[in-house]
Amino acid sequence: MIFRRGNYPYLVARVRAMKGRLLKRDVYGRLMGMGLKDIIRFIGETDYKKEIDELAGKYSGIDLLEKALNLNLGRTINKLIKISTGDARRKIVAYSSKYEVINVRNIIVGVGRGLPIEEIEKSLVPVEAEPLEMEFDIYGLLKMNLSEIRDELGRHRDYRAVAERKSLVEMEEELIRLYYERLASGFSGRSREDRIVREVVSTEIDARNIMTVLRMKVDGATPREIRWRLIENGAIPRKEMELLIREEFDEILKHLKNYPFFQYIKEGIEKRDLSKIEQGLKRYILKKAEKLAYYRPISILPVINYLMRKENEVSNLRLIARGKELNLREDLIRENLVVV
């Protein structure tokens, strides 16, 4: 019975140690004052040292950093799968299966835009295929054109709806739906832990839907155009989402005051700044995951919380590096960081 449930006491202890090595808030401020070379040198003295050293002979600059970040994230996930057993392992695999969808999306977008294989490859997170029981060889897709990729996806049940879409935008939207379906279906049980993970996923869906509505309103989209882009199974009732779709932009912002995440997006609303609103929503999700993890300290919840924090760290480091590469102002980079 204990084996079937998983080795949670051991796994959570390991995760606590790994979480303790995540970068502290003040580190981002220090990185903002560095150039790209110094950022890479600094990151090479942290938990990313192995990947930076391993790849330094083949890559440099932003390519080195992005490749190292993704490789480290993939290895982190693979490590957690390897050291877990029973239900714990199944849950980590279920959460991590989203990376199959993310990688397929990056390949489709890259191939569709005519990017070189090397450019696309550095965006992939190398989660091991065997434990995830992936439906096809992700790296094999890199050798195909878009028509061949569509044919390959059409052979697999989960991806048939993606393959049937005509445009890149439609294929990407279908992949986003599959991404959230994977997350929700992996935690479809009746346990308290599964319900909590589904609650976090629903909040992510709400955040994405809200940003979709706001951005498309700014672009002058019709309610029908917006409706098609929304993801099902968010926590906000469909009737309320329908109300947001039909409201004018300023009325939508007023309506958002009724939701529990309002304090996190208040500044963005006051400034009518979509980036700040999105940043606030991401902070709210991370804070919520952290809080919910305390309800079941010896369960999958601290593991999921750690993975979300790790993913956010990688995202922040990539954002800083890209900003430095493009010579963006520090305040613009800082405004888009999600620091909790």
C-alpha atoms as a PDB file:
ATOM      1  CA  MET A   1       0.000   0.000   0.000  1.00  0.00           C
ATOM      2  CA  ILE A   2       2.840   2.408   0.905  1.00  0.00           C
ATOM      3  CA  PHE A   3       4.657   1.549  -2.335  1.00  0.00           C
ATOM      4  CA  ARG A   4       1.507   2.138  -4.376  1.00  0.00           C
ATOM      5  CA  ARG A   5       1.018   5.552  -2.818  1.00  0.00           C
ATOM      6  CA  GLY A   6       4.634   6.505  -3.403  1.00  0.00           C
ATOM      7  CA  ASN A   7       7.705   7.543  -1.446  1.00  0.00           C
ATOM      8  CA  TYR A   8       6.371  10.983  -0.499  1.00  0.00           C
ATOM      9  CA  PRO A   9       8.376  11.546   2.723  1.00  0.00           C
ATOM     10  CA  TYR A  10      11.675  10.968   0.896  1.00  0.00           C
ATOM     11  CA  LEU A  11      10.563  12.810  -2.250  1.00  0.00           C
ATOM     12  CA  VAL A  12       9.316  15.891  -0.390  1.00  0.00           C
ATOM     13  CA  ALA A  13      12.546  16.058   1.631  1.00  0.00           C
ATOM     14  CA  ARG A  14      14.544  16.067  -1.609  1.00  0.00           C
ATOM     15  CA  VAL A  15      12.245  18.702  -3.116  1.00  0.00           C
ATOM     16  CA  ARG A  16      12.644  20.960  -0.068  1.00  0.00           C
ATOM     17  CA  ALA A  17      16.415  20.863  -0.553  1.00  0.00           C
ATOM     18  CA  MET A  18      16.045  21.601  -4.292  1.00  0.00           C
ATOM     19  CA  LYS A  19      13.643  24.467  -3.600  1.00  0.00           C
ATOM     20  CA  GLY A  20      16.187  25.954  -1.187  1.00  0.00           C
ATOM     21  CA  ARG A  21      18.620  26.277  -4.091  1.00  0.00           C
ATOM     22  CA  LEU A  22      16.261  28.353  -6.226  1.00  0.00           C
ATOM     23  CA  LEU A  23      17.468  31.906  -6.804  1.00  0.00           C
ATOM     24  CA  LYS A  24      16.422  34.422  -4.157  1.00  0.00           C
ATOM     25  CA  ARG A  25      14.484  37.588  -4.980  1.00  0.00           C
ATOM     26  CA  ASP A  26      17.485  39.896  -4.615  1.00  0.00           C
ATOM     27  CA  VAL A  27      19.470  37.943  -7.226  1.00  0.00           C
ATOM     28  CA  TYR A  28      17.272  39.279 -10.016  1.00  0.00           C
ATOM     29  CA  GLY A  29      18.162  42.827  -9.003  1.00  0.00           C
ATOM     30  CA  ARG A  30      21.850  41.975  -9.204  1.00  0.00           C
ATOM     31  CA  LEU A  31      21.433  40.367 -12.624  1.00  0.00           C
ATOM     32  CA  MET A  32      19.705  43.489 -13.924  1.00  0.00           C
ATOM     33  CA  GLY A  33      22.944  45.412 -13.425  1.00  0.00           C
ATOM     34  CA  MET A  34      25.036  42.938 -15.434  1.00  0.00           C
ATOM     35  CA  GLY A  35      25.763  42.451 -19.096  1.00  0.00           C
ATOM     36  CA  LEU A  36      24.924  39.172 -20.825  1.00  0.00           C
ATOM     37  CA  LYS A  37      28.431  37.712 -20.405  1.00  0.00           C
ATOM     38  CA  ASP A  38      28.431  38.438 -16.674  1.00  0.00           C
ATOM     39  CA  ILE A  39      24.928  36.977 -16.346  1.00  0.00           C
ATOM     40  CA  ILE A  40      26.093  33.741 -17.959  1.00  0.00           C
ATOM     41  CA  ARG A  41      29.164  33.688 -15.719  1.00  0.00           C
ATOM     42  CA  PHE A  42      27.000  34.233 -12.630  1.00  0.00           C
ATOM     43  CA  ILE A  43      24.445  31.575 -13.647  1.00  0.00           C
ATOM     44  CA  GLY A  44      27.360  29.224 -14.288  1.00  0.00           C
ATOM     45  CA  GLU A  45      28.131  29.352 -10.554  1.00  0.00           C
ATOM     46  CA  THR A  46      24.639  28.234  -9.509  1.00  0.00           C
ATOM     47  CA  ASP A  47      22.615  25.045 -10.030  1.00  0.00           C
ATOM     48  CA  TYR A  48      23.010  25.588 -13.788  1.00  0.00           C
ATOM     49  CA  LYS A  49      26.806  25.137 -13.657  1.00  0.00           C
ATOM     50  CA  LYS A  50      26.822  21.597 -15.072  1.00  0.00           C
ATOM     51  CA  GLU A  51      24.782  22.579 -18.129  1.00  0.00           C
ATOM     52  CA  ILE A  52      26.712  25.814 -18.766  1.00  0.00           C
ATOM     53  CA  ASP A  53      30.055  23.970 -18.585  1.00  0.00           C
ATOM     54  CA  GLU A  54      28.780  21.104 -20.741  1.00  0.00           C
ATOM     55  CA  LEU A  55      27.456  23.335 -23.523  1.00  0.00           C
ATOM     56  CA  ALA A  56      30.043  26.142 -23.483  1.00  0.00           C
ATOM     57  CA  GLY A  57      32.175  24.446 -26.150  1.00  0.00           C
ATOM     58  CA  LYS A  58      29.306  24.394 -28.646  1.00  0.00           C
ATOM     59  CA  TYR A  59      27.215  27.467 -27.823  1.00  0.00           C
ATOM     60  CA  SER A  60      27.811  31.032 -26.666  1.00  0.00           C
ATOM     61  CA  GLY A  61      25.832  34.076 -25.598  1.00  0.00           C
ATOM     62  CA  ILE A  62      22.062  33.872 -25.498  1.00  0.00           C
ATOM     63  CA  ASP A  63      22.099  30.479 -27.266  1.00  0.00           C
ATOM     64  CA  LEU A  64      24.247  28.997 -24.509  1.00  0.00           C
ATOM     65  CA  LEU A  65      22.051  30.348 -21.736  1.00  0.00           C
ATOM     66  CA  GLU A  66      18.725  29.320 -23.274  1.00  0.00           C
ATOM     67  CA  LYS A  67      19.957  25.837 -24.111  1.00  0.00           C
ATOM     68  CA  ALA A  68      21.410  25.405 -20.610  1.00  0.00           C
ATOM     69  CA  LEU A  69      18.197  26.606 -18.930  1.00  0.00           C
ATOM     70  CA  ASN A  70      16.021  24.159 -20.870  1.00  0.00           C
ATOM     71  CA  LEU A  71      18.465  21.288 -20.379  1.00  0.00           C
ATOM     72  CA  ASN A  72      18.577  21.941 -16.642  1.00  0.00           C
ATOM     73  CA  LEU A  73      14.780  22.086 -16.418  1.00  0.00           C
ATOM     74  CA  GLY A  74      14.449  18.831 -18.350  1.00  0.00           C
ATOM     75  CA  ARG A  75      17.012  17.125 -16.133  1.00  0.00           C
ATOM     76  CA  THR A  76      15.256  18.397 -13.015  1.00  0.00           C
ATOM     77  CA  ILE A  77      11.992  16.819 -14.146  1.00  0.00           C
ATOM     78  CA  ASN A  78      13.752  13.584 -15.148  1.00  0.00           C
ATOM     79  CA  LYS A  79      15.448  13.454 -11.745  1.00  0.00           C
ATOM     80  CA  LEU A  80      12.148  13.791  -9.889  1.00  0.00           C
ATOM     81  CA  ILE A  81      10.640  11.022 -12.009  1.00  0.00           C
ATOM     82  CA  LYS A  82      13.646   8.808 -11.356  1.00  0.00           C
ATOM     83  CA  ILE A  83      13.651   9.201  -7.551  1.00  0.00           C
ATOM     84  CA  SER A  84       9.883   8.815  -7.130  1.00  0.00           C
ATOM     85  CA  THR A  85       7.772   5.664  -6.925  1.00  0.00           C
ATOM     86  CA  GLY A  86       4.144   4.564  -7.145  1.00  0.00           C
ATOM     87  CA  ASP A  87       1.491   7.281  -7.172  1.00  0.00           C
ATOM     88  CA  ALA A  88       4.110   9.988  -6.701  1.00  0.00           C
ATOM     89  CA  ARG A  89       5.853   8.983  -9.900  1.00  0.00           C
ATOM     90  CA  ARG A  90       2.579   8.770 -11.840  1.00  0.00           C
ATOM     91  CA  LYS A  91       1.640  12.287 -10.720  1.00  0.00           C
ATOM     92  CA  ILE A  92       4.983  13.794 -11.707  1.00  0.00           C
ATOM     93  CA  VAL A  93       4.786  12.079 -15.094  1.00  0.00           C
ATOM     94  CA  ALA A  94       1.228  13.400 -15.522  1.00  0.00           C
ATOM     95  CA  TYR A  95       2.308  16.961 -14.748  1.00  0.00           C
ATOM     96  CA  SER A  96       5.423  16.717 -16.917  1.00  0.00           C
ATOM     97  CA  SER A  97       3.551  15.330 -19.933  1.00  0.00           C
ATOM     98  CA  LYS A  98       2.627  18.923 -20.753  1.00  0.00           C
ATOM     99  CA  TYR A  99       6.162  19.340 -22.067  1.00  0.00           C
ATOM    100  CA  GLU A 100       5.407  17.020 -24.946  1.00  0.00           C
ATOM    101  CA  VAL A 101       2.728  19.500 -26.006  1.00  0.00           C
ATOM    102  CA  ILE A 102       4.995  22.509 -25.389  1.00  0.00           C
ATOM    103  CA  ASN A 103       7.770  20.966 -27.495  1.00  0.00           C
ATOM    104  CA  VAL A 104       5.372  20.107 -30.334  1.00  0.00           C
ATOM    105  CA  ARG A 105       4.090  23.682 -30.274  1.00  0.00           C
ATOM    106  CA  ASN A 106       7.614  25.131 -30.453  1.00  0.00           C
ATOM    107  CA  ILE A 107       8.443  22.847 -33.375  1.00  0.00           C
ATOM    108  CA  ILE A 108       5.274  23.702 -35.309  1.00  0.00           C
ATOM    109  CA  VAL A 109       5.746  27.443 -34.778  1.00  0.00           C
ATOM    110  CA  GLY A 110       9.458  27.243 -35.641  1.00  0.00           C
ATOM    111  CA  VAL A 111       8.959  25.153 -38.780  1.00  0.00           C
ATOM    112  CA  GLY A 112       6.025  27.309 -39.838  1.00  0.00           C
ATOM    113  CA  ARG A 113       8.206  30.409 -39.564  1.00  0.00           C
ATOM    114  CA  GLY A 114      11.062  28.775 -41.440  1.00  0.00           C
ATOM    115  CA  LEU A 115      13.507  28.882 -38.506  1.00  0.00           C
ATOM    116  CA  PRO A 116      16.697  26.770 -38.675  1.00  0.00           C
ATOM    117  CA  ILE A 117      16.574  23.402 -36.878  1.00  0.00           C
ATOM    118  CA  GLU A 118      19.262  24.566 -34.433  1.00  0.00           C
ATOM    119  CA  GLU A 119      17.133  27.569 -33.475  1.00  0.00           C
ATOM    120  CA  ILE A 120      14.062  25.425 -32.843  1.00  0.00           C
ATOM    121  CA  GLU A 121      15.991  22.746 -30.975  1.00  0.00           C
ATOM    122  CA  LYS A 122      17.296  25.140 -28.338  1.00  0.00           C
ATOM    123  CA  SER A 123      13.693  25.953 -27.340  1.00  0.00           C
ATOM    124  CA  LEU A 124      12.876  22.316 -26.493  1.00  0.00           C
ATOM    125  CA  VAL A 125      12.800  21.008 -22.923  1.00  0.00           C
ATOM    126  CA  PRO A 126      14.415  17.541 -23.037  1.00  0.00           C
ATOM    127  CA  VAL A 127      12.091  15.544 -20.800  1.00  0.00           C
ATOM    128  CA  GLU A 128      12.831  11.847 -21.285  1.00  0.00           C
ATOM    129  CA  ALA A 129      10.448  10.102 -23.676  1.00  0.00           C
ATOM    130  CA  GLU A 130      10.443   6.719 -21.913  1.00  0.00           C
ATOM    131  CA  PRO A 131       8.879   7.682 -18.574  1.00  0.00           C
ATOM    132  CA  LEU A 132       6.374   9.974 -20.263  1.00  0.00           C
ATOM    133  CA  GLU A 133       5.452   7.313 -22.839  1.00  0.00           C
ATOM    134  CA  MET A 134       5.364   9.952 -25.559  1.00  0.00           C
ATOM    135  CA  GLU A 135       3.289   9.248 -28.619  1.00  0.00           C
ATOM    136  CA  PHE A 136       6.116   9.925 -31.088  1.00  0.00           C
ATOM    137  CA  ASP A 137       9.732  10.981 -31.377  1.00  0.00           C
ATOM    138  CA  ILE A 138       9.756  14.722 -30.683  1.00  0.00           C
ATOM    139  CA  TYR A 139      13.152  15.250 -32.257  1.00  0.00           C
ATOM    140  CA  GLY A 140      12.017  13.315 -35.329  1.00  0.00           C
ATOM    141  CA  LEU A 141       9.533  16.113 -36.032  1.00  0.00           C
ATOM    142  CA  LEU A 142      12.443  18.515 -36.482  1.00  0.00           C
ATOM    143  CA  LYS A 143      13.378  16.710 -39.699  1.00  0.00           C
ATOM    144  CA  MET A 144       9.912  17.155 -41.226  1.00  0.00           C
ATOM    145  CA  ASN A 145       8.200  19.972 -43.070  1.00  0.00           C
ATOM    146  CA  LEU A 146       4.862  21.297 -41.802  1.00  0.00           C
ATOM    147  CA  SER A 147       2.797  18.979 -44.021  1.00  0.00           C
ATOM    148  CA  GLU A 148       4.717  15.928 -42.788  1.00  0.00           C
ATOM    149  CA  ILE A 149       4.356  17.058 -39.181  1.00  0.00           C
ATOM    150  CA  ARG A 150       0.609  17.401 -39.712  1.00  0.00           C
ATOM    151  CA  ASP A 151       0.447  13.854 -41.117  1.00  0.00           C
ATOM    152  CA  GLU A 152       2.455  12.486 -38.179  1.00  0.00           C
ATOM    153  CA  LEU A 153       0.263  14.248 -35.600  1.00  0.00           C
ATOM    154  CA  GLY A 154      -2.859  12.945 -37.345  1.00  0.00           C
ATOM    155  CA  ARG A 155      -1.791   9.360 -36.584  1.00  0.00           C
ATOM    156  CA  HIS A 156      -2.115   9.949 -32.839  1.00  0.00           C
ATOM    157  CA  ARG A 157      -5.462  10.334 -31.130  1.00  0.00           C
ATOM    158  CA  ASP A 158      -4.550  13.244 -28.842  1.00  0.00           C
ATOM    159  CA  TYR A 159      -3.195  15.287 -31.736  1.00  0.00           C
ATOM    160  CA  ARG A 160      -5.791  14.620 -34.450  1.00  0.00           C
ATOM    161  CA  ALA A 161      -7.677  17.838 -33.730  1.00  0.00           C
ATOM    162  CA  VAL A 162      -4.371  19.752 -34.041  1.00  0.00           C
ATOM    163  CA  ALA A 163      -3.562  18.102 -37.385  1.00  0.00           C
ATOM    164  CA  GLU A 164      -7.000  19.000 -38.760  1.00  0.00           C
ATOM    165  CA  ARG A 165      -6.559  22.724 -38.204  1.00  0.00           C
ATOM    166  CA  LYS A 166      -5.641  24.652 -41.335  1.00  0.00           C
ATOM    167  CA  SER A 167      -3.601  27.603 -40.078  1.00  0.00           C
ATOM    168  CA  LEU A 168      -0.643  27.848 -37.717  1.00  0.00           C
ATOM    169  CA  VAL A 169      -2.688  30.006 -35.342  1.00  0.00           C
ATOM    170  CA  GLU A 170      -5.464  27.415 -35.188  1.00  0.00           C
ATOM    171  CA  MET A 171      -2.989  24.577 -34.656  1.00  0.00           C
ATOM    172  CA  GLU A 172      -1.348  26.526 -31.850  1.00  0.00           C
ATOM    173  CA  GLU A 173      -4.704  27.207 -30.180  1.00  0.00           C
ATOM    174  CA  GLU A 174      -5.596  23.518 -30.361  1.00  0.00           C
ATOM    175  CA  LEU A 175      -2.271  22.629 -28.741  1.00  0.00           C
ATOM    176  CA  ILE A 176      -2.991  25.050 -25.899  1.00  0.00           C
ATOM    177  CA  ARG A 177      -6.285  23.247 -25.283  1.00  0.00           C
ATOM    178  CA  LEU A 178      -4.481  19.905 -25.288  1.00  0.00           C
ATOM    179  CA  TYR A 179      -1.906  21.327 -22.845  1.00  0.00           C
ATOM    180  CA  TYR A 180      -4.591  22.066 -20.260  1.00  0.00           C
ATOM    181  CA  GLU A 181      -6.485  18.853 -20.962  1.00  0.00           C
ATOM    182  CA  ARG A 182      -3.283  16.914 -20.193  1.00  0.00           C
ATOM    183  CA  LEU A 183      -2.826  18.776 -16.924  1.00  0.00           C
ATOM    184  CA  ALA A 184      -6.421  18.271 -15.812  1.00  0.00           C
ATOM    185  CA  SER A 185      -6.711  14.624 -16.887  1.00  0.00           C
ATOM    186  CA  GLY A 186      -3.523  13.735 -15.022  1.00  0.00           C
ATOM    187  CA  PHE A 187      -5.211  14.787 -11.781  1.00  0.00           C
ATOM    188  CA  SER A 188      -8.762  13.587 -12.357  1.00  0.00           C
ATOM    189  CA  GLY A 189      -9.018  11.499  -9.180  1.00  0.00           C
ATOM    190  CA  ARG A 190     -11.179  12.184  -6.130  1.00  0.00           C
ATOM    191  CA  SER A 191      -8.337  12.771  -3.675  1.00  0.00           C
ATOM    192  CA  ARG A 192      -7.900  16.115  -1.948  1.00  0.00           C
ATOM    193  CA  GLU A 193      -4.523  16.520  -3.669  1.00  0.00           C
ATOM    194  CA  ASP A 194      -6.010  15.988  -7.139  1.00  0.00           C
ATOM    195  CA  ARG A 195      -8.771  18.510  -6.436  1.00  0.00           C
ATOM    196  CA  ILE A 196      -6.214  21.101  -5.337  1.00  0.00           C
ATOM    197  CA  VAL A 197      -4.073  20.622  -8.455  1.00  0.00           C
ATOM    198  CA  ARG A 198      -7.180  20.946 -10.615  1.00  0.00           C
ATOM    199  CA  GLU A 199      -8.003  24.163  -8.767  1.00  0.00           C
ATOM    200  CA  VAL A 200      -4.585  25.590  -9.656  1.00  0.00           C
ATOM    201  CA  VAL A 201      -5.002  24.482 -13.285  1.00  0.00           C
ATOM    202  CA  SER A 202      -8.440  26.143 -13.412  1.00  0.00           C
ATOM    203  CA  THR A 203      -6.902  29.360 -12.125  1.00  0.00           C
ATOM    204  CA  GLU A 204      -4.256  29.179 -14.862  1.00  0.00           C
ATOM    205  CA  ILE A 205      -7.013  28.749 -17.442  1.00  0.00           C
ATOM    206  CA  ASP A 206      -8.886  31.771 -16.038  1.00  0.00           C
ATOM    207  CA  ALA A 207      -5.733  33.896 -16.211  1.00  0.00           C
ATOM    208  CA  ARG A 208      -5.101  32.886 -19.799  1.00  0.00           C
ATOM    209  CA  ASN A 209      -8.719  33.519 -20.801  1.00  0.00           C
ATOM    210  CA  ILE A 210      -8.724  36.953 -19.171  1.00  0.00           C
ATOM    211  CA  MET A 211      -5.557  37.972 -20.988  1.00  0.00           C
ATOM    212  CA  THR A 212      -6.974  36.610 -24.254  1.00  0.00           C
ATOM    213  CA  VAL A 213     -10.131  38.706 -23.842  1.00  0.00           C
ATOM    214  CA  LEU A 214      -8.210  41.874 -22.943  1.00  0.00           C
ATOM    215  CA  ARG A 215      -5.690  41.570 -25.784  1.00  0.00           C
ATOM    216  CA  MET A 216      -8.306  40.741 -28.393  1.00  0.00           C
ATOM    217  CA  LYS A 217     -10.505  43.618 -27.213  1.00  0.00           C
ATOM    218  CA  VAL A 218      -7.578  45.989 -27.739  1.00  0.00           C
ATOM    219  CA  ASP A 219      -7.182  44.537 -31.253  1.00  0.00           C
ATOM    220  CA  GLY A 220     -10.873  45.122 -31.986  1.00  0.00           C
ATOM    221  CA  ALA A 221     -11.895  41.458 -32.171  1.00  0.00           C
ATOM    222  CA  THR A 222     -15.563  40.484 -32.170  1.00  0.00           C
ATOM    223  CA  PRO A 223     -17.150  38.397 -29.369  1.00  0.00           C
ATOM    224  CA  ARG A 224     -17.325  35.457 -31.777  1.00  0.00           C
ATOM    225  CA  GLU A 225     -13.608  35.678 -32.554  1.00  0.00           C
ATOM    226  CA  ILE A 226     -12.775  35.886 -28.858  1.00  0.00           C
ATOM    227  CA  ARG A 227     -15.104  33.053 -27.855  1.00  0.00           C
ATOM    228  CA  TRP A 228     -13.332  30.550 -30.079  1.00  0.00           C
ATOM    229  CA  ARG A 229      -9.985  31.305 -28.426  1.00  0.00           C
ATOM    230  CA  LEU A 230     -11.144  30.637 -24.854  1.00  0.00           C
ATOM    231  CA  ILE A 231     -10.147  27.490 -22.952  1.00  0.00           C
ATOM    232  CA  GLU A 232     -12.808  25.401 -21.203  1.00  0.00           C
ATOM    233  CA  ASN A 233     -12.798  24.269 -17.534  1.00  0.00           C
ATOM    234  CA  GLY A 234     -11.699  27.485 -15.869  1.00  0.00           C
ATOM    235  CA  ALA A 235     -13.057  28.383 -12.428  1.00  0.00           C
ATOM    236  CA  ILE A 236     -14.905  31.455 -13.723  1.00  0.00           C
ATOM    237  CA  PRO A 237     -18.410  30.351 -14.817  1.00  0.00           C
ATOM    238  CA  ARG A 238     -19.133  30.420 -18.537  1.00  0.00           C
ATOM    239  CA  LYS A 239     -21.861  33.042 -18.039  1.00  0.00           C
ATOM    240  CA  GLU A 240     -19.370  35.423 -16.443  1.00  0.00           C
ATOM    241  CA  MET A 241     -16.837  34.861 -19.211  1.00  0.00           C
ATOM    242  CA  GLU A 242     -19.585  35.568 -21.733  1.00  0.00           C
ATOM    243  CA  LEU A 243     -20.255  38.851 -19.934  1.00  0.00           C
ATOM    244  CA  LEU A 244     -16.578  39.812 -20.175  1.00  0.00           C
ATOM    245  CA  ILE A 245     -16.531  38.961 -23.876  1.00  0.00           C
ATOM    246  CA  ARG A 246     -19.412  41.334 -24.578  1.00  0.00           C
ATOM    247  CA  GLU A 247     -18.195  44.228 -22.391  1.00  0.00           C
ATOM    248  CA  GLU A 248     -16.081  47.136 -23.563  1.00  0.00           C
ATOM    249  CA  PHE A 249     -12.425  47.183 -22.460  1.00  0.00           C
ATOM    250  CA  ASP A 250     -12.868  49.644 -19.556  1.00  0.00           C
ATOM    251  CA  GLU A 251     -15.922  47.778 -18.271  1.00  0.00           C
ATOM    252  CA  ILE A 252     -13.966  44.527 -18.256  1.00  0.00           C
ATOM    253  CA  LEU A 253     -11.278  46.141 -16.095  1.00  0.00           C
ATOM    254  CA  LYS A 254     -13.951  47.314 -13.639  1.00  0.00           C
ATOM    255  CA  HIS A 255     -15.468  43.830 -13.552  1.00  0.00           C
ATOM    256  CA  LEU A 256     -12.129  42.251 -12.599  1.00  0.00           C
ATOM    257  CA  LYS A 257     -12.368  43.964  -9.181  1.00  0.00           C
ATOM    258  CA  ASN A 258     -14.819  41.224  -8.191  1.00  0.00           C
ATOM    259  CA  TYR A 259     -12.255  38.421  -8.330  1.00  0.00           C
ATOM    260  CA  PRO A 260      -9.859  37.177  -5.611  1.00  0.00           C
ATOM    261  CA  PHE A 261      -6.790  38.051  -7.682  1.00  0.00           C
ATOM    262  CA  PHE A 262      -7.729  41.748  -7.890  1.00  0.00           C
ATOM    263  CA  GLN A 263      -5.035  42.940  -5.433  1.00  0.00           C
ATOM    264  CA  TYR A 264      -2.393  41.363  -7.654  1.00  0.00           C
ATOM    265  CA  ILE A 265      -3.558  43.153 -10.801  1.00  0.00           C
ATOM    266  CA  LYS A 266      -4.768  46.426  -9.274  1.00  0.00           C
ATOM    267  CA  GLU A 267      -1.731  48.423 -10.396  1.00  0.00           C
ATOM    268  CA  GLY A 268      -1.982  47.025 -13.915  1.00  0.00           C
ATOM    269  CA  ILE A 269      -5.664  47.946 -14.102  1.00  0.00           C
ATOM    270  CA  GLU A 270      -5.024  51.490 -12.849  1.00  0.00           C
ATOM    271  CA  LYS A 271      -2.292  51.962 -15.450  1.00  0.00           C
ATOM    272  CA  ARG A 272      -4.209  50.064 -18.152  1.00  0.00           C
ATOM    273  CA  ASP A 273      -1.030  48.022 -18.576  1.00  0.00           C
ATOM    274  CA  LEU A 274      -1.673  44.510 -19.906  1.00  0.00           C
ATOM    275  CA  SER A 275       1.860  43.342 -19.095  1.00  0.00           C
ATOM    276  CA  LYS A 276       1.415  44.292 -15.448  1.00  0.00           C
ATOM    277  CA  ILE A 277      -1.979  42.586 -15.325  1.00  0.00           C
ATOM    278  CA  GLU A 278      -0.479  39.407 -16.748  1.00  0.00           C
ATOM    279  CA  GLN A 279       2.459  39.608 -14.346  1.00  0.00           C
ATOM    280  CA  GLY A 280       0.056  40.015 -11.422  1.00  0.00           C
ATOM    281  CA  LEU A 281      -1.999  37.007 -12.488  1.00  0.00           C
ATOM    282  CA  LYS A 282       1.135  34.848 -12.674  1.00  0.00           C
ATOM    283  CA  ARG A 283       2.191  35.978  -9.190  1.00  0.00           C
ATOM    284  CA  TYR A 284      -1.274  35.146  -7.882  1.00  0.00           C
ATOM    285  CA  ILE A 285      -1.089  31.614  -9.325  1.00  0.00           C
ATOM    286  CA  LEU A 286       2.345  30.976  -7.803  1.00  0.00           C
ATOM    287  CA  LYS A 287       1.256  32.337  -4.422  1.00  0.00           C
ATOM    288  CA  LYS A 288      -1.877  30.210  -4.533  1.00  0.00           C
ATOM    289  CA  ALA A 289       0.100  27.059  -5.378  1.00  0.00           C
ATOM    290  CA  GLU A 290       2.465  27.807  -2.486  1.00  0.00           C
ATOM    291  CA  LYS A 291      -0.411  28.275  -0.061  1.00  0.00           C
ATOM    292  CA  LEU A 292      -2.252  25.154  -1.165  1.00  0.00           C
ATOM    293  CA  ALA A 293       0.927  23.061  -0.871  1.00  0.00           C
ATOM    294  CA  TYR A 294       0.881  23.640   2.891  1.00  0.00           C
ATOM    295  CA  TYR A 295      -2.477  21.847   3.174  1.00  0.00           C
ATOM    296  CA  ARG A 296      -0.838  18.520   2.356  1.00  0.00           C
ATOM    297  CA  PRO A 297       2.895  18.823   3.203  1.00  0.00           C
ATOM    298  CA  ILE A 298       3.603  15.129   2.541  1.00  0.00           C
ATOM    299  CA  SER A 299       1.963  14.755  -0.857  1.00  0.00           C
ATOM    300  CA  ILE A 300       2.407  15.651  -4.520  1.00  0.00           C
ATOM    301  CA  LEU A 301       1.494  19.298  -3.815  1.00  0.00           C
ATOM    302  CA  PRO A 302       4.943  20.512  -2.611  1.00  0.00           C
ATOM    303  CA  VAL A 303       6.462  18.789  -5.662  1.00  0.00           C
ATOM    304  CA  ILE A 304       4.107  20.560  -8.087  1.00  0.00           C
ATOM    305  CA  ASN A 305       4.690  23.838  -6.245  1.00  0.00           C
ATOM    306  CA  TYR A 306       8.461  23.413  -6.610  1.00  0.00           C
ATOM    307  CA  LEU A 307       8.173  22.628 -10.327  1.00  0.00           C
ATOM    308  CA  MET A 308       6.065  25.749 -10.879  1.00  0.00           C
ATOM    309  CA  ARG A 309       8.676  27.844  -9.038  1.00  0.00           C
ATOM    310  CA  LYS A 310      11.474  26.247 -11.055  1.00  0.00           C
ATOM    311  CA  GLU A 311       9.655  26.938 -14.319  1.00  0.00           C
ATOM    312  CA  ASN A 312       9.147  30.554 -13.269  1.00  0.00           C
ATOM    313  CA  GLU A 313      12.850  30.918 -12.438  1.00  0.00           C
ATOM    314  CA  VAL A 314      13.826  29.638 -15.885  1.00  0.00           C
ATOM    315  CA  SER A 315      11.304  32.019 -17.462  1.00  0.00           C
ATOM    316  CA  ASN A 316      12.694  34.994 -15.503  1.00  0.00           C
ATOM    317  CA  LEU A 317      16.301  34.205 -16.410  1.00  0.00           C
ATOM    318  CA  ARG A 318      15.379  33.825 -20.076  1.00  0.00           C
ATOM    319  CA  LEU A 319      13.510  37.145 -19.976  1.00  0.00           C
ATOM    320  CA  ILE A 320      16.471  38.989 -18.447  1.00  0.00           C
ATOM    321  CA  ALA A 321      18.932  37.455 -20.925  1.00  0.00           C
ATOM    322  CA  ARG A 322      16.779  38.235 -23.940  1.00  0.00           C
ATOM    323  CA  GLY A 323      16.219  41.772 -22.681  1.00  0.00           C
ATOM    324  CA  LYS A 324      19.961  42.310 -22.320  1.00  0.00           C
ATOM    325  CA  GLU A 325      20.559  40.827 -25.767  1.00  0.00           C
ATOM    326  CA  LEU A 326      18.094  43.333 -27.259  1.00  0.00           C
ATOM    327  CA  ASN A 327      19.443  46.240 -25.167  1.00  0.00           C
ATOM    328  CA  LEU A 328      16.057  46.852 -23.576  1.00  0.00           C
ATOM    329  CA  ARG A 329      15.774  49.326 -20.719  1.00  0.00           C
ATOM    330  CA  GLU A 330      16.089  47.739 -17.287  1.00  0.00           C
ATOM    331  CA  ASP A 331      12.702  49.049 -16.173  1.00  0.00           C
ATOM    332  CA  LEU A 332      11.013  47.313 -19.126  1.00  0.00           C
ATOM    333  CA  ILE A 333      12.668  44.009 -18.267  1.00  0.00           C
ATOM    334  CA  ARG A 334      11.927  44.392 -14.559  1.00  0.00           C
ATOM    335  CA  GLU A 335       8.243  45.103 -15.192  1.00  0.00           C
ATOM    336  CA  ASN A 336       7.816  41.715 -16.845  1.00  0.00           C
ATOM    337  CA  LEU A 337       9.609  39.606 -14.235  1.00  0.00           C
ATOM    338  CA  VAL A 338       7.417  37.470 -11.995  1.00  0.00           C
ATOM    339  CA  VAL A 339       9.067  37.552  -8.575  1.00  0.00           C
ATOM    340  CA  VAL A 340       7.368  36.010  -5.525  1.00  0.00           C
END
